[in-house]
Amino acid sequence: MTSTAPTPPQMYERLQIAILTPEQMHLHWADAGTGTHFMELVMPLEWEEAADGDYLHCRVLAESIVVRVRADLIKTCRHR
């Protein structure tokens, strides 16, 4: 199991606001397994704290799929 860096408080707060206010945001992240980068318009749904790191569950609006993104692999997030 790999340990990840703690989520910066400002990122946690920003994502919590987006979850609570059903806000669409542009999210840029990397996939933990492949390293592939994504930049999509998403709707943040839920925050998860797990032993291997923090995760954001969000709906990718273009494809209507839910993805689980490890917080330390989020590069940028900004509101729409």
PDB file of N, CA and C in Angstrom:
ATOM      1  N   MET A   1       0.844  -1.173   0.000  1.00  0.00           N
ATOM      2  CA  MET A   1       0.000   0.000   0.000  1.00  0.00           C
ATOM      3  C   MET A   1       0.892   1.239   0.000  1.00  0.00           C
ATOM      4  N   THR A   2       0.579   2.188  -0.849  1.00  0.00           N
ATOM      5  CA  THR A   2       1.363   3.420  -0.942  1.00  0.00           C
ATOM      6  C   THR A   2       0.711   4.509  -0.104  1.00  0.00           C
ATOM      7  N   SER A   3       1.549   5.254   0.580  1.00  0.00           N
ATOM      8  CA  SER A   3       1.036   6.364   1.376  1.00  0.00           C
ATOM      9  C   SER A   3       1.018   7.616   0.502  1.00  0.00           C
ATOM     10  N   THR A   4      -0.023   8.408   0.632  1.00  0.00           N
ATOM     11  CA  THR A   4      -0.127   9.632  -0.149  1.00  0.00           C
ATOM     12  C   THR A   4      -0.032  10.835   0.775  1.00  0.00           C
ATOM     13  N   ALA A   5       0.292  11.962   0.203  1.00  0.00           N
ATOM     14  CA  ALA A   5       0.379  13.199   0.975  1.00  0.00           C
ATOM     15  C   ALA A   5      -1.014  13.615   1.419  1.00  0.00           C
ATOM     16  N   PRO A   6      -1.105  14.254   2.594  1.00  0.00           N
ATOM     17  CA  PRO A   6      -2.425  14.717   3.030  1.00  0.00           C
ATOM     18  C   PRO A   6      -2.977  15.776   2.070  1.00  0.00           C
ATOM     19  N   THR A   7      -4.286  15.810   1.955  1.00  0.00           N
ATOM     20  CA  THR A   7      -4.924  16.790   1.081  1.00  0.00           C
ATOM     21  C   THR A   7      -4.768  18.183   1.672  1.00  0.00           C
ATOM     22  N   PRO A   8      -4.274  19.146   0.883  1.00  0.00           N
ATOM     23  CA  PRO A   8      -4.154  20.518   1.385  1.00  0.00           C
ATOM     24  C   PRO A   8      -5.525  21.040   1.815  1.00  0.00           C
ATOM     25  N   PRO A   9      -5.590  21.749   2.953  1.00  0.00           N
ATOM     26  CA  PRO A   9      -6.869  22.218   3.476  1.00  0.00           C
ATOM     27  C   PRO A   9      -7.662  23.065   2.480  1.00  0.00           C
ATOM     28  N   GLN A  10      -6.978  23.908   1.692  1.00  0.00           N
ATOM     29  CA  GLN A  10      -7.698  24.760   0.742  1.00  0.00           C
ATOM     30  C   GLN A  10      -8.348  23.934  -0.371  1.00  0.00           C
ATOM     31  N   MET A  11      -7.709  22.837  -0.791  1.00  0.00           N
ATOM     32  CA  MET A  11      -8.313  21.971  -1.809  1.00  0.00           C
ATOM     33  C   MET A  11      -9.514  21.231  -1.214  1.00  0.00           C
ATOM     34  N   TYR A  12      -9.348  20.713  -0.012  1.00  0.00           N
ATOM     35  CA  TYR A  12     -10.444  20.005   0.654  1.00  0.00           C
ATOM     36  C   TYR A  12     -11.655  20.932   0.785  1.00  0.00           C
ATOM     37  N   GLU A  13     -11.422  22.153   1.261  1.00  0.00           N
ATOM     38  CA  GLU A  13     -12.511  23.112   1.444  1.00  0.00           C
ATOM     39  C   GLU A  13     -13.192  23.444   0.121  1.00  0.00           C
ATOM     40  N   ARG A  14     -12.404  23.673  -0.918  1.00  0.00           N
ATOM     41  CA  ARG A  14     -12.956  24.019  -2.238  1.00  0.00           C
ATOM     42  C   ARG A  14     -13.826  22.904  -2.785  1.00  0.00           C
ATOM     43  N   LEU A  15     -13.362  21.660  -2.640  1.00  0.00           N
ATOM     44  CA  LEU A  15     -14.124  20.523  -3.148  1.00  0.00           C
ATOM     45  C   LEU A  15     -15.374  20.266  -2.311  1.00  0.00           C
ATOM     46  N   GLN A  16     -15.301  20.490  -1.014  1.00  0.00           N
ATOM     47  CA  GLN A  16     -16.486  20.347  -0.163  1.00  0.00           C
ATOM     48  C   GLN A  16     -17.568  21.348  -0.566  1.00  0.00           C
ATOM     49  N   ILE A  17     -17.176  22.578  -0.852  1.00  0.00           N
ATOM     50  CA  ILE A  17     -18.135  23.590  -1.309  1.00  0.00           C
ATOM     51  C   ILE A  17     -18.795  23.136  -2.608  1.00  0.00           C
ATOM     52  N   ALA A  18     -17.992  22.610  -3.533  1.00  0.00           N
ATOM     53  CA  ALA A  18     -18.529  22.144  -4.814  1.00  0.00           C
ATOM     54  C   ALA A  18     -19.505  20.982  -4.621  1.00  0.00           C
ATOM     55  N   ILE A  19     -19.211  20.095  -3.672  1.00  0.00           N
ATOM     56  CA  ILE A  19     -20.098  18.964  -3.395  1.00  0.00           C
ATOM     57  C   ILE A  19     -21.425  19.465  -2.805  1.00  0.00           C
ATOM     58  N   LEU A  20     -21.336  20.380  -1.858  1.00  0.00           N
ATOM     59  CA  LEU A  20     -22.530  20.851  -1.150  1.00  0.00           C
ATOM     60  C   LEU A  20     -23.432  21.749  -1.989  1.00  0.00           C
ATOM     61  N   THR A  21     -22.864  22.398  -3.000  1.00  0.00           N
ATOM     62  CA  THR A  21     -23.649  23.358  -3.794  1.00  0.00           C
ATOM     63  C   THR A  21     -23.938  22.876  -5.205  1.00  0.00           C
ATOM     64  N   PRO A  22     -24.000  21.586  -5.464  1.00  0.00           N
ATOM     65  CA  PRO A  22     -23.967  20.936  -6.767  1.00  0.00           C
ATOM     66  C   PRO A  22     -23.390  21.803  -7.890  1.00  0.00           C
ATOM     67  N   GLU A  23     -22.126  22.040  -7.789  1.00  0.00           N
ATOM     68  CA  GLU A  23     -21.411  22.931  -8.710  1.00  0.00           C
ATOM     69  C   GLU A  23     -20.653  22.114  -9.754  1.00  0.00           C
ATOM     70  N   GLN A  24     -20.742  22.533 -10.991  1.00  0.00           N
ATOM     71  CA  GLN A  24     -19.934  21.918 -12.042  1.00  0.00           C
ATOM     72  C   GLN A  24     -18.554  22.568 -12.017  1.00  0.00           C
ATOM     73  N   MET A  25     -17.530  21.746 -12.240  1.00  0.00           N
ATOM     74  CA  MET A  25     -16.179  22.308 -12.273  1.00  0.00           C
ATOM     75  C   MET A  25     -15.318  21.585 -13.297  1.00  0.00           C
ATOM     76  N   HIS A  26     -14.321  22.298 -13.781  1.00  0.00           N
ATOM     77  CA  HIS A  26     -13.326  21.719 -14.678  1.00  0.00           C
ATOM     78  C   HIS A  26     -12.247  21.096 -13.791  1.00  0.00           C
ATOM     79  N   LEU A  27     -12.003  19.816 -13.972  1.00  0.00           N
ATOM     80  CA  LEU A  27     -11.052  19.089 -13.142  1.00  0.00           C
ATOM     81  C   LEU A  27      -9.980  18.478 -14.025  1.00  0.00           C
ATOM     82  N   HIS A  28      -8.723  18.657 -13.626  1.00  0.00           N
ATOM     83  CA  HIS A  28      -7.578  18.058 -14.318  1.00  0.00           C
ATOM     84  C   HIS A  28      -6.926  17.106 -13.329  1.00  0.00           C
ATOM     85  N   TRP A  29      -6.841  15.811 -13.701  1.00  0.00           N
ATOM     86  CA  TRP A  29      -6.246  14.826 -12.809  1.00  0.00           C
ATOM     87  C   TRP A  29      -5.519  13.763 -13.615  1.00  0.00           C
ATOM     88  N   ALA A  30      -4.713  12.983 -12.891  1.00  0.00           N
ATOM     89  CA  ALA A  30      -3.997  11.860 -13.499  1.00  0.00           C
ATOM     90  C   ALA A  30      -4.551  10.566 -12.930  1.00  0.00           C
ATOM     91  N   ASP A  31      -4.602   9.526 -13.742  1.00  0.00           N
ATOM     92  CA  ASP A  31      -5.045   8.213 -13.302  1.00  0.00           C
ATOM     93  C   ASP A  31      -3.916   7.552 -12.511  1.00  0.00           C
ATOM     94  N   ALA A  32      -4.235   6.992 -11.351  1.00  0.00           N
ATOM     95  CA  ALA A  32      -3.219   6.385 -10.487  1.00  0.00           C
ATOM     96  C   ALA A  32      -2.537   5.189 -11.145  1.00  0.00           C
ATOM     97  N   GLY A  33      -3.268   4.405 -11.917  1.00  0.00           N
ATOM     98  CA  GLY A  33      -2.706   3.194 -12.512  1.00  0.00           C
ATOM     99  C   GLY A  33      -1.900   3.427 -13.767  1.00  0.00           C
ATOM    100  N   THR A  34      -2.397   4.289 -14.647  1.00  0.00           N
ATOM    101  CA  THR A  34      -1.763   4.451 -15.955  1.00  0.00           C
ATOM    102  C   THR A  34      -0.969   5.746 -16.101  1.00  0.00           C
ATOM    103  N   GLY A  35      -1.261   6.730 -15.236  1.00  0.00           N
ATOM    104  CA  GLY A  35      -0.603   8.036 -15.362  1.00  0.00           C
ATOM    105  C   GLY A  35      -1.239   8.908 -16.438  1.00  0.00           C
ATOM    106  N   THR A  36      -2.298   8.407 -17.090  1.00  0.00           N
ATOM    107  CA  THR A  36      -2.995   9.179 -18.109  1.00  0.00           C
ATOM    108  C   THR A  36      -3.647  10.398 -17.476  1.00  0.00           C
ATOM    109  N   HIS A  37      -3.539  11.546 -18.141  1.00  0.00           N
ATOM    110  CA  HIS A  37      -4.141  12.775 -17.641  1.00  0.00           C
ATOM    111  C   HIS A  37      -5.512  12.997 -18.269  1.00  0.00           C
ATOM    112  N   PHE A  38      -6.420  13.543 -17.472  1.00  0.00           N
ATOM    113  CA  PHE A  38      -7.770  13.858 -17.922  1.00  0.00           C
ATOM    114  C   PHE A  38      -8.089  15.294 -17.546  1.00  0.00           C
ATOM    115  N   MET A  39      -8.862  15.966 -18.380  1.00  0.00           N
ATOM    116  CA  MET A  39      -9.401  17.280 -18.056  1.00  0.00           C
ATOM    117  C   MET A  39     -10.844  17.265 -18.522  1.00  0.00           C
ATOM    118  N   GLU A  40     -11.763  17.264 -17.550  1.00  0.00           N
ATOM    119  CA  GLU A  40     -13.175  17.090 -17.857  1.00  0.00           C
ATOM    120  C   GLU A  40     -14.021  18.046 -17.032  1.00  0.00           C
ATOM    121  N   LEU A  41     -15.226  18.300 -17.520  1.00  0.00           N
ATOM    122  CA  LEU A  41     -16.229  19.016 -16.755  1.00  0.00           C
ATOM    123  C   LEU A  41     -16.923  17.970 -15.896  1.00  0.00           C
ATOM    124  N   VAL A  42     -16.892  18.167 -14.579  1.00  0.00           N
ATOM    125  CA  VAL A  42     -17.433  17.179 -13.656  1.00  0.00           C
ATOM    126  C   VAL A  42     -18.394  17.819 -12.659  1.00  0.00           C
ATOM    127  N   MET A  43     -19.176  16.967 -12.024  1.00  0.00           N
ATOM    128  CA  MET A  43     -20.028  17.352 -10.899  1.00  0.00           C
ATOM    129  C   MET A  43     -19.508  16.559  -9.699  1.00  0.00           C
ATOM    130  N   PRO A  44     -18.832  17.219  -8.747  1.00  0.00           N
ATOM    131  CA  PRO A  44     -18.351  16.513  -7.550  1.00  0.00           C
ATOM    132  C   PRO A  44     -19.534  15.964  -6.747  1.00  0.00           C
ATOM    133  N   LEU A  45     -19.423  14.717  -6.287  1.00  0.00           N
ATOM    134  CA  LEU A  45     -20.524  14.051  -5.604  1.00  0.00           C
ATOM    135  C   LEU A  45     -20.237  13.741  -4.137  1.00  0.00           C
ATOM    136  N   GLU A  46     -19.018  13.263  -3.856  1.00  0.00           N
ATOM    137  CA  GLU A  46     -18.747  12.759  -2.510  1.00  0.00           C
ATOM    138  C   GLU A  46     -17.238  12.771  -2.255  1.00  0.00           C
ATOM    139  N   TRP A  47     -16.874  12.954  -0.985  1.00  0.00           N
ATOM    140  CA  TRP A  47     -15.480  12.904  -0.547  1.00  0.00           C
ATOM    141  C   TRP A  47     -15.300  11.618   0.254  1.00  0.00           C
ATOM    142  N   GLU A  48     -14.209  10.903   0.002  1.00  0.00           N
ATOM    143  CA  GLU A  48     -13.934   9.653   0.708  1.00  0.00           C
ATOM    144  C   GLU A  48     -12.531   9.695   1.298  1.00  0.00           C
ATOM    145  N   GLU A  49     -12.429   9.396   2.581  1.00  0.00           N
ATOM    146  CA  GLU A  49     -11.124   9.260   3.222  1.00  0.00           C
ATOM    147  C   GLU A  49     -10.860   7.773   3.390  1.00  0.00           C
ATOM    148  N   ALA A  50      -9.755   7.300   2.815  1.00  0.00           N
ATOM    149  CA  ALA A  50      -9.420   5.880   2.852  1.00  0.00           C
ATOM    150  C   ALA A  50      -7.987   5.716   3.371  1.00  0.00           C
ATOM    151  N   ALA A  51      -7.627   4.490   3.700  1.00  0.00           N
ATOM    152  CA  ALA A  51      -6.289   4.214   4.226  1.00  0.00           C
ATOM    153  C   ALA A  51      -5.196   4.582   3.221  1.00  0.00           C
ATOM    154  N   ASP A  52      -5.497   4.454   1.930  1.00  0.00           N
ATOM    155  CA  ASP A  52      -4.488   4.744   0.909  1.00  0.00           C
ATOM    156  C   ASP A  52      -4.592   6.150   0.333  1.00  0.00           C
ATOM    157  N   GLY A  53      -5.395   7.022   0.947  1.00  0.00           N
ATOM    158  CA  GLY A  53      -5.490   8.409   0.487  1.00  0.00           C
ATOM    159  C   GLY A  53      -6.920   8.907   0.462  1.00  0.00           C
ATOM    160  N   ASP A  54      -7.067  10.167   0.110  1.00  0.00           N
ATOM    161  CA  ASP A  54      -8.385  10.780  -0.017  1.00  0.00           C
ATOM    162  C   ASP A  54      -8.834  10.688  -1.471  1.00  0.00           C
ATOM    163  N   TYR A  55     -10.153  10.554  -1.665  1.00  0.00           N
ATOM    164  CA  TYR A  55     -10.703  10.399  -3.005  1.00  0.00           C
ATOM    165  C   TYR A  55     -11.902  11.315  -3.209  1.00  0.00           C
ATOM    166  N   LEU A  56     -12.037  11.805  -4.416  1.00  0.00           N
ATOM    167  CA  LEU A  56     -13.209  12.554  -4.839  1.00  0.00           C
ATOM    168  C   LEU A  56     -13.987  11.680  -5.810  1.00  0.00           C
ATOM    169  N   HIS A  57     -15.260  11.462  -5.521  1.00  0.00           N
ATOM    170  CA  HIS A  57     -16.151  10.775  -6.457  1.00  0.00           C
ATOM    171  C   HIS A  57     -16.855  11.880  -7.235  1.00  0.00           C
ATOM    172  N   CYS A  58     -16.841  11.786  -8.546  1.00  0.00           N
ATOM    173  CA  CYS A  58     -17.490  12.812  -9.353  1.00  0.00           C
ATOM    174  C   CYS A  58     -18.050  12.213 -10.631  1.00  0.00           C
ATOM    175  N   ARG A  59     -19.056  12.885 -11.161  1.00  0.00           N
ATOM    176  CA  ARG A  59     -19.684  12.471 -12.417  1.00  0.00           C
ATOM    177  C   ARG A  59     -19.053  13.259 -13.552  1.00  0.00           C
ATOM    178  N   VAL A  60     -18.510  12.549 -14.537  1.00  0.00           N
ATOM    179  CA  VAL A  60     -17.993  13.183 -15.753  1.00  0.00           C
ATOM    180  C   VAL A  60     -19.214  13.477 -16.616  1.00  0.00           C
ATOM    181  N   LEU A  61     -19.504  14.747 -16.815  1.00  0.00           N
ATOM    182  CA  LEU A  61     -20.765  15.139 -17.444  1.00  0.00           C
ATOM    183  C   LEU A  61     -20.867  14.736 -18.911  1.00  0.00           C
ATOM    184  N   ALA A  62     -19.784  14.762 -19.652  1.00  0.00           N
ATOM    185  CA  ALA A  62     -19.828  14.416 -21.075  1.00  0.00           C
ATOM    186  C   ALA A  62     -20.191  12.947 -21.295  1.00  0.00           C
ATOM    187  N   GLU A  63     -19.794  12.088 -20.355  1.00  0.00           N
ATOM    188  CA  GLU A  63     -20.018  10.653 -20.522  1.00  0.00           C
ATOM    189  C   GLU A  63     -21.022  10.093 -19.526  1.00  0.00           C
ATOM    190  N   SER A  64     -21.442  10.909 -18.569  1.00  0.00           N
ATOM    191  CA  SER A  64     -22.374  10.496 -17.521  1.00  0.00           C
ATOM    192  C   SER A  64     -21.891   9.242 -16.791  1.00  0.00           C
ATOM    193  N   ILE A  65     -20.594   9.226 -16.461  1.00  0.00           N
ATOM    194  CA  ILE A  65     -20.035   8.131 -15.667  1.00  0.00           C
ATOM    195  C   ILE A  65     -19.488   8.711 -14.366  1.00  0.00           C
ATOM    196  N   VAL A  66     -19.445   7.884 -13.334  1.00  0.00           N
ATOM    197  CA  VAL A  66     -18.883   8.304 -12.054  1.00  0.00           C
ATOM    198  C   VAL A  66     -17.470   7.742 -11.946  1.00  0.00           C
ATOM    199  N   VAL A  67     -16.532   8.616 -11.584  1.00  0.00           N
ATOM    200  CA  VAL A  67     -15.139   8.204 -11.416  1.00  0.00           C
ATOM    201  C   VAL A  67     -14.694   8.500  -9.990  1.00  0.00           C
ATOM    202  N   ARG A  68     -13.694   7.784  -9.548  1.00  0.00           N
ATOM    203  CA  ARG A  68     -13.089   7.954  -8.219  1.00  0.00           C
ATOM    204  C   ARG A  68     -11.667   8.457  -8.460  1.00  0.00           C
ATOM    205  N   VAL A  69     -11.403   9.695  -8.051  1.00  0.00           N
ATOM    206  CA  VAL A  69     -10.127  10.352  -8.332  1.00  0.00           C
ATOM    207  C   VAL A  69      -9.357  10.513  -7.030  1.00  0.00           C
ATOM    208  N   ARG A  70      -8.116  10.024  -6.998  1.00  0.00           N
ATOM    209  CA  ARG A  70      -7.297  10.210  -5.800  1.00  0.00           C
ATOM    210  C   ARG A  70      -6.904  11.676  -5.691  1.00  0.00           C
ATOM    211  N   ALA A  71      -7.156  12.274  -4.538  1.00  0.00           N
ATOM    212  CA  ALA A  71      -7.001  13.723  -4.352  1.00  0.00           C
ATOM    213  C   ALA A  71      -5.593  14.227  -4.643  1.00  0.00           C
ATOM    214  N   ASP A  72      -4.572  13.453  -4.306  1.00  0.00           N
ATOM    215  CA  ASP A  72      -3.206  13.930  -4.552  1.00  0.00           C
ATOM    216  C   ASP A  72      -2.840  13.915  -6.035  1.00  0.00           C
ATOM    217  N   LEU A  73      -3.707  13.347  -6.881  1.00  0.00           N
ATOM    218  CA  LEU A  73      -3.458  13.337  -8.326  1.00  0.00           C
ATOM    219  C   LEU A  73      -4.276  14.394  -9.058  1.00  0.00           C
ATOM    220  N   ILE A  74      -5.017  15.216  -8.301  1.00  0.00           N
ATOM    221  CA  ILE A  74      -5.733  16.337  -8.901  1.00  0.00           C
ATOM    222  C   ILE A  74      -4.729  17.456  -9.138  1.00  0.00           C
ATOM    223  N   LYS A  75      -4.647  17.904 -10.369  1.00  0.00           N
ATOM    224  CA  LYS A  75      -3.692  18.957 -10.733  1.00  0.00           C
ATOM    225  C   LYS A  75      -4.323  20.333 -10.567  1.00  0.00           C
ATOM    226  N   THR A  76      -5.527  20.516 -11.095  1.00  0.00           N
ATOM    227  CA  THR A  76      -6.255  21.784 -10.955  1.00  0.00           C
ATOM    228  C   THR A  76      -7.741  21.501 -10.885  1.00  0.00           C
ATOM    229  N   CYS A  77      -8.440  22.395 -10.195  1.00  0.00           N
ATOM    230  CA  CYS A  77      -9.902  22.347 -10.184  1.00  0.00           C
ATOM    231  C   CYS A  77     -10.389  23.778 -10.123  1.00  0.00           C
ATOM    232  N   ARG A  78     -11.286  24.099 -11.023  1.00  0.00           N
ATOM    233  CA  ARG A  78     -11.826  25.458 -11.022  1.00  0.00           C
ATOM    234  C   ARG A  78     -13.297  25.393 -11.408  1.00  0.00           C
ATOM    235  N   HIS A  79     -14.045  26.322 -10.854  1.00  0.00           N
ATOM    236  CA  HIS A  79     -15.481  26.289 -11.139  1.00  0.00           C
ATOM    237  C   HIS A  79     -15.742  26.718 -12.565  1.00  0.00           C
ATOM    238  N   ARG A  80     -16.877  26.308 -13.024  1.00  0.00           N
ATOM    239  CA  ARG A  80     -17.258  26.562 -14.420  1.00  0.00           C
ATOM    240  C   ARG A  80     -17.687  27.983 -14.602  1.00  0.00           C
TER     241      ARG A  80
END
